[in-house]
Amino acid sequence: MTVKIRLARGGAKKRPFYRIVVADGRSPRDGRFIEKLGTFDPLKAKDDALRLVLDAEKAAAWVAKGAQPTDRVARLLETVGIGKREARNNPEKALPKKKAQERAAANAAAAEKAAAAAAEPAES
């Protein structure tokens, strides 16, 4: 049984409010959970003390038992000082694809040709 520390969504439409819960990985997002660790309100200011309310001791105990935090929860736990989130980096994903590279090369060639044509009459 995989145990996850994840966010369970609450609140009204367009007004999210999350509970940080420990749940079985097979249970639904907003369904049954084992224990509630705290709350997260993304609508509050980043420096507001009530934006993240978390029982750090319980969270650390669950991480020590092997509970896997989701990406967002790992970020939140890192702000409290529990665990270290590994940096994710995929530089190839940001590169333009083949057709975009071809268009960029064609545009660069056209711009170079136009610059050469503009510079030629100025020299005479």
Protein backbone atom coordinates (compact mmCIF):
# COMPACT_ATOMS: atom_id res chain seq x y z
CA MET A 1 0.00 0.00 0.00
CA THR A 2 1.51 3.32 -1.08
CA VAL A 3 0.83 6.15 1.30
CA LYS A 4 0.85 9.66 -0.11
CA ILE A 5 0.84 13.10 1.44
CA ARG A 6 -1.32 15.14 -0.89
CA LEU A 7 -3.79 17.97 -1.22
CA ALA A 8 -7.54 17.36 -0.94
CA ARG A 9 -9.50 20.18 -2.57
CA GLY A 10 -12.30 21.96 -0.82
CA GLY A 11 -13.91 25.36 -1.13
CA ALA A 12 -16.29 26.81 -3.67
CA LYS A 13 -15.97 27.12 -7.41
CA LYS A 14 -13.02 29.37 -8.31
CA ARG A 15 -12.17 29.66 -4.57
CA PRO A 16 -9.86 26.71 -3.84
CA PHE A 17 -8.96 25.64 -0.35
CA TYR A 18 -6.87 22.56 0.32
CA ARG A 19 -6.39 20.17 3.20
CA ILE A 20 -3.00 18.49 3.42
CA VAL A 21 -3.80 14.86 4.11
CA VAL A 22 -2.11 11.48 4.35
CA ALA A 23 -4.04 9.03 2.18
CA ASP A 24 -3.77 5.67 0.50
CA GLY A 25 -2.55 6.21 -3.05
CA ARG A 26 -5.57 4.32 -4.43
CA SER A 27 -8.20 6.48 -2.72
CA PRO A 28 -9.82 9.41 -4.57
CA ARG A 29 -8.36 12.92 -4.31
CA ASP A 30 -11.13 14.27 -2.08
CA GLY A 31 -12.10 10.89 -0.64
CA ARG A 32 -11.04 8.90 2.37
CA PHE A 33 -7.81 9.81 4.11
CA ILE A 34 -5.80 8.50 7.03
CA GLU A 35 -4.89 11.75 8.78
CA LYS A 36 -5.19 15.49 8.24
CA LEU A 37 -1.88 17.33 8.60
CA GLY A 38 -2.94 20.89 7.88
CA THR A 39 -4.42 23.33 5.39
CA PHE A 40 -3.23 25.39 2.43
CA ASP A 41 -5.07 28.46 1.13
CA PRO A 42 -3.52 29.62 -2.18
CA LEU A 43 -5.67 32.76 -2.30
CA LYS A 44 -3.97 34.31 0.71
CA ALA A 45 -0.82 36.42 0.33
CA LYS A 46 2.46 34.52 0.30
CA ASP A 47 3.61 36.17 3.53
CA ASP A 48 0.31 35.49 5.36
CA ALA A 49 0.73 33.13 8.31
CA LEU A 50 -2.59 31.42 7.60
CA ARG A 51 -1.69 30.54 3.99
CA LEU A 52 -0.04 27.32 5.17
CA VAL A 53 -1.04 25.77 8.49
CA LEU A 54 0.81 22.49 8.99
CA ASP A 55 1.63 20.17 11.87
CA ALA A 56 5.33 19.79 11.04
CA GLU A 57 5.95 17.03 13.58
CA LYS A 58 3.24 14.79 12.14
CA ALA A 59 4.42 15.49 8.59
CA ALA A 60 8.01 14.63 9.48
CA ALA A 61 6.84 11.43 11.15
CA TRP A 62 4.88 10.37 8.05
CA VAL A 63 7.83 11.15 5.76
CA ALA A 64 10.05 9.07 8.06
CA LYS A 65 7.54 6.19 7.77
CA GLY A 66 7.88 6.33 3.99
CA ALA A 67 4.91 8.44 2.88
CA GLN A 68 5.57 10.02 -0.53
CA PRO A 69 4.60 13.70 -0.85
CA THR A 70 3.27 14.95 -4.17
CA ASP A 71 5.23 17.65 -6.02
CA ARG A 72 3.18 20.54 -4.62
CA VAL A 73 3.20 19.15 -1.08
CA ALA A 74 6.97 18.59 -1.32
CA ARG A 75 7.34 22.29 -2.11
CA LEU A 76 5.17 23.21 0.88
CA LEU A 77 7.08 20.86 3.18
CA GLU A 78 10.35 22.38 2.01
CA THR A 79 9.18 25.85 3.09
CA VAL A 80 8.56 24.44 6.58
CA GLY A 81 11.95 22.73 6.60
CA ILE A 82 10.91 19.10 6.15
CA GLY A 83 12.77 17.26 3.42
CA LYS A 84 14.52 18.56 0.36
CA ARG A 85 12.73 18.63 -2.99
CA GLU A 86 14.92 17.61 -5.90
CA ALA A 87 15.10 20.20 -8.64
CA ARG A 88 13.36 19.17 -11.81
CA ASN A 89 14.88 20.24 -15.10
CA ASN A 90 14.15 19.22 -18.65
CA PRO A 91 15.93 21.76 -20.87
CA GLU A 92 15.03 19.90 -24.07
CA LYS A 93 11.33 20.45 -23.43
CA ALA A 94 11.75 24.21 -23.84
CA LEU A 95 13.55 23.94 -27.19
CA PRO A 96 11.52 24.69 -30.32
CA LYS A 97 10.41 21.70 -32.34
CA LYS A 98 11.63 20.89 -35.88
CA LYS A 99 9.17 23.06 -37.85
CA ALA A 100 9.72 26.05 -35.57
CA GLN A 101 13.49 25.70 -35.99
CA GLU A 102 13.03 25.61 -39.79
CA ARG A 103 10.85 28.75 -39.68
CA ALA A 104 13.39 30.54 -37.49
CA ALA A 105 16.21 29.61 -39.88
CA ALA A 106 14.17 30.82 -42.88
CA ASN A 107 13.34 34.10 -41.11
CA ALA A 108 16.99 34.61 -40.18
CA ALA A 109 18.07 33.99 -43.79
CA ALA A 110 15.44 36.42 -45.10
CA ALA A 111 16.49 39.07 -42.57
CA GLU A 112 20.15 38.60 -43.52
CA LYS A 113 19.29 38.93 -47.22
CA ALA A 114 17.26 42.10 -46.57
CA ALA A 115 20.09 43.59 -44.51
CA ALA A 116 22.58 42.84 -47.29
CA ALA A 117 20.27 44.42 -49.88
CA ALA A 118 19.78 47.52 -47.72
CA ALA A 119 23.53 47.90 -47.14
CA GLU A 120 24.42 47.52 -50.84
CA PRO A 121 22.88 50.80 -52.14
CA ALA A 122 24.30 52.74 -49.19
CA GLU A 123 27.84 51.78 -50.22
CA SER A 124 27.52 53.22 -53.80
